[in-house]
PDB file of N, CA and C in Angstrom:
ATOM      1  N   MET A   1      14.442   3.490  -4.971  1.00  0.00           N
ATOM      2  CA  MET A   1      14.631   4.730  -4.264  1.00  0.00           C
ATOM      3  C   MET A   1      14.711   4.513  -2.757  1.00  0.00           C
ATOM      4  N   VAL A   2      13.908   3.594  -2.271  1.00  0.00           N
ATOM      5  CA  VAL A   2      13.898   3.329  -0.836  1.00  0.00           C
ATOM      6  C   VAL A   2      15.225   2.711  -0.409  1.00  0.00           C
ATOM      7  N   LEU A   3      15.731   1.801  -1.216  1.00  0.00           N
ATOM      8  CA  LEU A   3      16.948   1.079  -0.850  1.00  0.00           C
ATOM      9  C   LEU A   3      18.191   1.950  -0.868  1.00  0.00           C
ATOM     10  N   ASP A   4      18.254   2.943  -1.768  1.00  0.00           N
ATOM     11  CA  ASP A   4      19.469   3.746  -1.865  1.00  0.00           C
ATOM     12  C   ASP A   4      19.462   4.980  -0.970  1.00  0.00           C
ATOM     13  N   GLY A   5      18.427   5.163  -0.168  1.00  0.00           N
ATOM     14  CA  GLY A   5      18.417   6.234   0.815  1.00  0.00           C
ATOM     15  C   GLY A   5      18.035   7.596   0.268  1.00  0.00           C
ATOM     16  N   THR A   6      17.245   7.636  -0.773  1.00  0.00           N
ATOM     17  CA  THR A   6      16.770   8.898  -1.307  1.00  0.00           C
ATOM     18  C   THR A   6      15.877   9.572  -0.273  1.00  0.00           C
ATOM     19  N   SER A   7      15.774  10.894  -0.322  1.00  0.00           N
ATOM     20  CA  SER A   7      15.018  11.636   0.694  1.00  0.00           C
ATOM     21  C   SER A   7      13.550  11.216   0.738  1.00  0.00           C
ATOM     22  N   SER A   8      12.979  11.326   1.912  1.00  0.00           N
ATOM     23  CA  SER A   8      11.575  10.961   2.127  1.00  0.00           C
ATOM     24  C   SER A   8      10.646  11.767   1.231  1.00  0.00           C
ATOM     25  N   ARG A   9      10.911  13.052   1.120  1.00  0.00           N
ATOM     26  CA  ARG A   9      10.060  13.917   0.307  1.00  0.00           C
ATOM     27  C   ARG A   9      10.087  13.497  -1.158  1.00  0.00           C
ATOM     28  N   ARG A  10      11.257  13.142  -1.673  1.00  0.00           N
ATOM     29  CA  ARG A  10      11.368  12.709  -3.067  1.00  0.00           C
ATOM     30  C   ARG A  10      10.648  11.385  -3.290  1.00  0.00           C
ATOM     31  N   ILE A  11      10.709  10.491  -2.324  1.00  0.00           N
ATOM     32  CA  ILE A  11      10.034   9.199  -2.453  1.00  0.00           C
ATOM     33  C   ILE A  11       8.522   9.395  -2.463  1.00  0.00           C
ATOM     34  N   ARG A  12       8.008  10.207  -1.522  1.00  0.00           N
ATOM     35  CA  ARG A  12       6.567  10.478  -1.498  1.00  0.00           C
ATOM     36  C   ARG A  12       6.115  11.179  -2.773  1.00  0.00           C
ATOM     37  N   ARG A  13       6.912  12.117  -3.261  1.00  0.00           N
ATOM     38  CA  ARG A  13       6.566  12.824  -4.496  1.00  0.00           C
ATOM     39  C   ARG A  13       6.518  11.862  -5.679  1.00  0.00           C
ATOM     40  N   TYR A  14       7.496  10.958  -5.752  1.00  0.00           N
ATOM     41  CA  TYR A  14       7.519   9.969  -6.821  1.00  0.00           C
ATOM     42  C   TYR A  14       6.300   9.046  -6.728  1.00  0.00           C
ATOM     43  N   LEU A  15       5.998   8.568  -5.539  1.00  0.00           N
ATOM     44  CA  LEU A  15       4.851   7.684  -5.339  1.00  0.00           C
ATOM     45  C   LEU A  15       3.547   8.403  -5.683  1.00  0.00           C
ATOM     46  N   ASN A  16       3.454   9.671  -5.319  1.00  0.00           N
ATOM     47  CA  ASN A  16       2.284  10.468  -5.657  1.00  0.00           C
ATOM     48  C   ASN A  16       2.123  10.572  -7.176  1.00  0.00           C
ATOM     49  N   ARG A  17       3.207  10.858  -7.887  1.00  0.00           N
ATOM     50  CA  ARG A  17       3.141  10.949  -9.350  1.00  0.00           C
ATOM     51  C   ARG A  17       2.814   9.599  -9.967  1.00  0.00           C
ATOM     52  N   PHE A  18       3.363   8.522  -9.409  1.00  0.00           N
ATOM     53  CA  PHE A  18       3.094   7.173  -9.895  1.00  0.00           C
ATOM     54  C   PHE A  18       1.606   6.848  -9.771  1.00  0.00           C
ATOM     55  N   CYS A  19       1.035   7.136  -8.602  1.00  0.00           N
ATOM     56  CA  CYS A  19      -0.395   6.885  -8.388  1.00  0.00           C
ATOM     57  C   CYS A  19      -1.239   7.749  -9.314  1.00  0.00           C
ATOM     58  N   ALA A  20      -0.890   9.025  -9.422  1.00  0.00           N
ATOM     59  CA  ALA A  20      -1.649   9.935 -10.276  1.00  0.00           C
ATOM     60  C   ALA A  20      -1.597   9.471 -11.730  1.00  0.00           C
ATOM     61  N   TRP A  21      -0.456   8.985 -12.186  1.00  0.00           N
ATOM     62  CA  TRP A  21      -0.332   8.507 -13.560  1.00  0.00           C
ATOM     63  C   TRP A  21      -1.271   7.328 -13.797  1.00  0.00           C
ATOM     64  N   TRP A  22      -1.270   6.357 -12.886  1.00  0.00           N
ATOM     65  CA  TRP A  22      -2.136   5.195 -13.043  1.00  0.00           C
ATOM     66  C   TRP A  22      -3.612   5.587 -13.028  1.00  0.00           C
ATOM     67  N   VAL A  23      -3.967   6.492 -12.140  1.00  0.00           N
ATOM     68  CA  VAL A  23      -5.357   6.935 -12.045  1.00  0.00           C
ATOM     69  C   VAL A  23      -5.773   7.642 -13.339  1.00  0.00           C
ATOM     70  N   ASN A  24      -4.897   8.470 -13.877  1.00  0.00           N
ATOM     71  CA  ASN A  24      -5.207   9.177 -15.124  1.00  0.00           C
ATOM     72  C   ASN A  24      -5.220   8.243 -16.326  1.00  0.00           C
ATOM     73  N   ALA A  25      -4.452   7.178 -16.272  1.00  0.00           N
ATOM     74  CA  ALA A  25      -4.370   6.238 -17.392  1.00  0.00           C
ATOM     75  C   ALA A  25      -5.509   5.220 -17.366  1.00  0.00           C
ATOM     76  N   SER A  26      -6.245   5.165 -16.287  1.00  0.00           N
ATOM     77  CA  SER A  26      -7.288   4.163 -16.122  1.00  0.00           C
ATOM     78  C   SER A  26      -8.623   4.823 -15.828  1.00  0.00           C
ATOM     79  N   ASP A  27      -9.665   4.230 -16.319  1.00  0.00           N
ATOM     80  CA  ASP A  27     -11.009   4.726 -16.015  1.00  0.00           C
ATOM     81  C   ASP A  27     -11.583   4.076 -14.758  1.00  0.00           C
ATOM     82  N   THR A  28     -10.915   3.060 -14.234  1.00  0.00           N
ATOM     83  CA  THR A  28     -11.474   2.318 -13.104  1.00  0.00           C
ATOM     84  C   THR A  28     -10.833   2.673 -11.759  1.00  0.00           C
ATOM     85  N   TRP A  29      -9.605   3.150 -11.739  1.00  0.00           N
ATOM     86  CA  TRP A  29      -8.925   3.441 -10.483  1.00  0.00           C
ATOM     87  C   TRP A  29      -9.248   4.848  -9.994  1.00  0.00           C
ATOM     88  N   HIS A  30      -9.333   4.986  -8.679  1.00  0.00           N
ATOM     89  CA  HIS A  30      -9.377   6.281  -8.014  1.00  0.00           C
ATOM     90  C   HIS A  30      -8.136   6.353  -7.143  1.00  0.00           C
ATOM     91  N   TYR A  31      -7.661   7.543  -6.867  1.00  0.00           N
ATOM     92  CA  TYR A  31      -6.367   7.729  -6.194  1.00  0.00           C
ATOM     93  C   TYR A  31      -6.261   6.936  -4.899  1.00  0.00           C
ATOM     94  N   GLN A  32      -7.208   7.148  -3.985  1.00  0.00           N
ATOM     95  CA  GLN A  32      -7.140   6.453  -2.694  1.00  0.00           C
ATOM     96  C   GLN A  32      -7.247   4.940  -2.858  1.00  0.00           C
ATOM     97  N   GLU A  33      -8.075   4.485  -3.790  1.00  0.00           N
ATOM     98  CA  GLU A  33      -8.196   3.041  -4.032  1.00  0.00           C
ATOM     99  C   GLU A  33      -6.882   2.457  -4.526  1.00  0.00           C
ATOM    100  N   PHE A  34      -6.235   3.166  -5.424  1.00  0.00           N
ATOM    101  CA  PHE A  34      -4.963   2.677  -5.958  1.00  0.00           C
ATOM    102  C   PHE A  34      -3.903   2.635  -4.863  1.00  0.00           C
ATOM    103  N   LEU A  35      -3.855   3.684  -4.063  1.00  0.00           N
ATOM    104  CA  LEU A  35      -2.885   3.715  -2.972  1.00  0.00           C
ATOM    105  C   LEU A  35      -3.160   2.595  -1.963  1.00  0.00           C
ATOM    106  N   GLN A  36      -4.424   2.329  -1.681  1.00  0.00           N
ATOM    107  CA  GLN A  36      -4.787   1.235  -0.775  1.00  0.00           C
ATOM    108  C   GLN A  36      -4.368  -0.115  -1.359  1.00  0.00           C
ATOM    109  N   TRP A  37      -4.600  -0.296  -2.651  1.00  0.00           N
ATOM    110  CA  TRP A  37      -4.170  -1.536  -3.313  1.00  0.00           C
ATOM    111  C   TRP A  37      -2.666  -1.695  -3.188  1.00  0.00           C
ATOM    112  N   PHE A  38      -1.927  -0.614  -3.424  1.00  0.00           N
ATOM    113  CA  PHE A  38      -0.465  -0.654  -3.304  1.00  0.00           C
ATOM    114  C   PHE A  38      -0.061  -1.107  -1.911  1.00  0.00           C
ATOM    115  N   LEU A  39      -0.723  -0.562  -0.897  1.00  0.00           N
ATOM    116  CA  LEU A  39      -0.405  -0.950   0.484  1.00  0.00           C
ATOM    117  C   LEU A  39      -0.694  -2.427   0.745  1.00  0.00           C
ATOM    118  N   GLU A  40      -1.753  -2.942   0.147  1.00  0.00           N
ATOM    119  CA  GLU A  40      -2.129  -4.341   0.376  1.00  0.00           C
ATOM    120  C   GLU A  40      -1.153  -5.314  -0.268  1.00  0.00           C
ATOM    121  N   VAL A  41      -0.548  -4.938  -1.379  1.00  0.00           N
ATOM    122  CA  VAL A  41       0.348  -5.861  -2.081  1.00  0.00           C
ATOM    123  C   VAL A  41       1.823  -5.562  -1.854  1.00  0.00           C
ATOM    124  N   CYS A  42       2.127  -4.464  -1.175  1.00  0.00           N
ATOM    125  CA  CYS A  42       3.519  -4.062  -0.972  1.00  0.00           C
ATOM    126  C   CYS A  42       4.179  -4.979   0.060  1.00  0.00           C
ATOM    127  N   TRP A  43       5.295  -5.564  -0.304  1.00  0.00           N
ATOM    128  CA  TRP A  43       6.001  -6.449   0.620  1.00  0.00           C
ATOM    129  C   TRP A  43       7.165  -5.761   1.312  1.00  0.00           C
ATOM    130  N   ASP A  44       7.558  -4.590   0.834  1.00  0.00           N
ATOM    131  CA  ASP A  44       8.674  -3.860   1.423  1.00  0.00           C
ATOM    132  C   ASP A  44       8.152  -2.923   2.514  1.00  0.00           C
ATOM    133  N   LYS A  45       8.628  -3.102   3.730  1.00  0.00           N
ATOM    134  CA  LYS A  45       8.128  -2.331   4.866  1.00  0.00           C
ATOM    135  C   LYS A  45       8.372  -0.835   4.689  1.00  0.00           C
ATOM    136  N   SER A  46       9.538  -0.453   4.210  1.00  0.00           N
ATOM    137  CA  SER A  46       9.848   0.971   4.023  1.00  0.00           C
ATOM    138  C   SER A  46       8.934   1.604   2.988  1.00  0.00           C
ATOM    139  N   ALA A  47       8.723   0.927   1.878  1.00  0.00           N
ATOM    140  CA  ALA A  47       7.836   1.452   0.829  1.00  0.00           C
ATOM    141  C   ALA A  47       6.418   1.571   1.355  1.00  0.00           C
ATOM    142  N   ALA A  48       5.979   0.606   2.123  1.00  0.00           N
ATOM    143  CA  ALA A  48       4.635   0.652   2.706  1.00  0.00           C
ATOM    144  C   ALA A  48       4.497   1.813   3.679  1.00  0.00           C
ATOM    145  N   GLU A  49       5.548   2.117   4.419  1.00  0.00           N
ATOM    146  CA  GLU A  49       5.508   3.253   5.345  1.00  0.00           C
ATOM    147  C   GLU A  49       5.361   4.566   4.582  1.00  0.00           C
ATOM    148  N   TYR A  50       6.072   4.696   3.471  1.00  0.00           N
ATOM    149  CA  TYR A  50       5.939   5.900   2.646  1.00  0.00           C
ATOM    150  C   TYR A  50       4.538   6.002   2.060  1.00  0.00           C
ATOM    151  N   ALA A  51       3.993   4.895   1.619  1.00  0.00           N
ATOM    152  CA  ALA A  51       2.640   4.894   1.056  1.00  0.00           C
ATOM    153  C   ALA A  51       1.610   5.223   2.130  1.00  0.00           C
ATOM    154  N   THR A  52       1.815   4.743   3.331  1.00  0.00           N
ATOM    155  CA  THR A  52       0.911   5.060   4.439  1.00  0.00           C
ATOM    156  C   THR A  52       0.957   6.548   4.758  1.00  0.00           C
ATOM    157  N   ALA A  53       2.162   7.109   4.776  1.00  0.00           N
ATOM    158  CA  ALA A  53       2.301   8.544   5.035  1.00  0.00           C
ATOM    159  C   ALA A  53       1.630   9.354   3.930  1.00  0.00           C
ATOM    160  N   LEU A  54       1.812   8.949   2.694  1.00  0.00           N
ATOM    161  CA  LEU A  54       1.182   9.641   1.575  1.00  0.00           C
ATOM    162  C   LEU A  54      -0.343   9.530   1.655  1.00  0.00           C
ATOM    163  N   SER A  55      -0.833   8.375   2.011  1.00  0.00           N
ATOM    164  CA  SER A  55      -2.267   8.178   2.161  1.00  0.00           C
ATOM    165  C   SER A  55      -2.820   9.098   3.240  1.00  0.00           C
ATOM    166  N   GLN A  56      -2.117   9.226   4.342  1.00  0.00           N
ATOM    167  CA  GLN A  56      -2.557  10.109   5.428  1.00  0.00           C
ATOM    168  C   GLN A  56      -2.542  11.567   4.972  1.00  0.00           C
ATOM    169  N   LEU A  57      -1.512  11.973   4.230  1.00  0.00           N
ATOM    170  CA  LEU A  57      -1.451  13.340   3.717  1.00  0.00           C
ATOM    171  C   LEU A  57      -2.627  13.627   2.788  1.00  0.00           C
ATOM    172  N   GLN A  58      -2.938  12.672   1.915  1.00  0.00           N
ATOM    173  CA  GLN A  58      -4.059  12.850   0.992  1.00  0.00           C
ATOM    174  C   GLN A  58      -5.386  12.911   1.747  1.00  0.00           C
ATOM    175  N   PHE A  59      -5.541  12.073   2.760  1.00  0.00           N
ATOM    176  CA  PHE A  59      -6.754  12.093   3.575  1.00  0.00           C
ATOM    177  C   PHE A  59      -6.910  13.444   4.262  1.00  0.00           C
ATOM    178  N   ASN A  60      -5.827  13.951   4.851  1.00  0.00           N
ATOM    179  CA  ASN A  60      -5.867  15.247   5.528  1.00  0.00           C
ATOM    180  C   ASN A  60      -6.200  16.369   4.542  1.00  0.00           C
ATOM    181  N   LYS A  61      -5.626  16.305   3.352  1.00  0.00           N
ATOM    182  CA  LYS A  61      -5.890  17.317   2.327  1.00  0.00           C
ATOM    183  C   LYS A  61      -7.372  17.299   1.942  1.00  0.00           C
ATOM    184  N   LEU A  62      -7.911  16.110   1.721  1.00  0.00           N
ATOM    185  CA  LEU A  62      -9.321  15.978   1.357  1.00  0.00           C
ATOM    186  C   LEU A  62     -10.226  16.473   2.484  1.00  0.00           C
ATOM    187  N   HIS A  63      -9.893  16.119   3.714  1.00  0.00           N
ATOM    188  CA  HIS A  63     -10.676  16.550   4.864  1.00  0.00           C
ATOM    189  C   HIS A  63     -10.659  18.072   4.991  1.00  0.00           C
ATOM    190  N   THR A  64      -9.503  18.687   4.781  1.00  0.00           N
ATOM    191  CA  THR A  64      -9.383  20.145   4.843  1.00  0.00           C
ATOM    192  C   THR A  64     -10.224  20.805   3.759  1.00  0.00           C
ATOM    193  N   GLU A  65     -10.166  20.258   2.545  1.00  0.00           N
ATOM    194  CA  GLU A  65     -10.942  20.824   1.433  1.00  0.00           C
ATOM    195  C   GLU A  65     -12.447  20.727   1.716  1.00  0.00           C
ATOM    196  N   ILE A  66     -12.884  19.611   2.265  1.00  0.00           N
ATOM    197  CA  ILE A  66     -14.298  19.430   2.593  1.00  0.00           C
ATOM    198  C   ILE A  66     -14.703  20.402   3.707  1.00  0.00           C
ATOM    199  N   SER A  67     -13.848  20.564   4.695  1.00  0.00           N
ATOM    200  CA  SER A  67     -14.141  21.490   5.805  1.00  0.00           C
ATOM    201  C   SER A  67     -14.262  22.914   5.302  1.00  0.00           C
ATOM    202  N   ARG A  68     -13.361  23.323   4.423  1.00  0.00           N
ATOM    203  CA  ARG A  68     -13.413  24.690   3.866  1.00  0.00           C
ATOM    204  C   ARG A  68     -14.671  24.879   3.015  1.00  0.00           C
ATOM    205  N   ALA A  69     -15.058  23.860   2.280  1.00  0.00           N
ATOM    206  CA  ALA A  69     -16.266  23.960   1.458  1.00  0.00           C
ATOM    207  C   ALA A  69     -17.497  24.097   2.340  1.00  0.00           C
ATOM    208  N   GLY A  70     -17.502  23.429   3.482  1.00  0.00           N
ATOM    209  CA  GLY A  70     -18.612  23.517   4.413  1.00  0.00           C
ATOM    210  C   GLY A  70     -18.709  24.893   5.054  1.00  0.00           C
ATOM    211  N   VAL A  71     -17.580  25.523   5.326  1.00  0.00           N
ATOM    212  CA  VAL A  71     -17.553  26.856   5.917  1.00  0.00           C
ATOM    213  C   VAL A  71     -18.027  27.884   4.896  1.00  0.00           C
ATOM    214  N   ALA A  72     -17.647  27.692   3.634  1.00  0.00           N
ATOM    215  CA  ALA A  72     -18.014  28.633   2.587  1.00  0.00           C
ATOM    216  C   ALA A  72     -19.495  28.564   2.249  1.00  0.00           C
ATOM    217  N   ALA A  73     -20.121  27.448   2.517  1.00  0.00           N
ATOM    218  CA  ALA A  73     -21.540  27.275   2.137  1.00  0.00           C
ATOM    219  C   ALA A  73     -22.488  27.942   3.061  1.00  0.00           C
TER     220      ALA A  73
END
């Protein structure tokens, strides 16, 4: 997908589904851990950039959810 110029949003969505599938199929992986592992072994710079962006989006989402839970408490 990266090589043929598919849209950034579609690549991130695919990577998100790929990570979610592995996490759901395994009892040992957690989403952020799997994404971090992917970044450590990824040799393609473009793919790593998409994974980094996805990781940042997930971090921001988690931070927002925690902040909202703190306000509600």
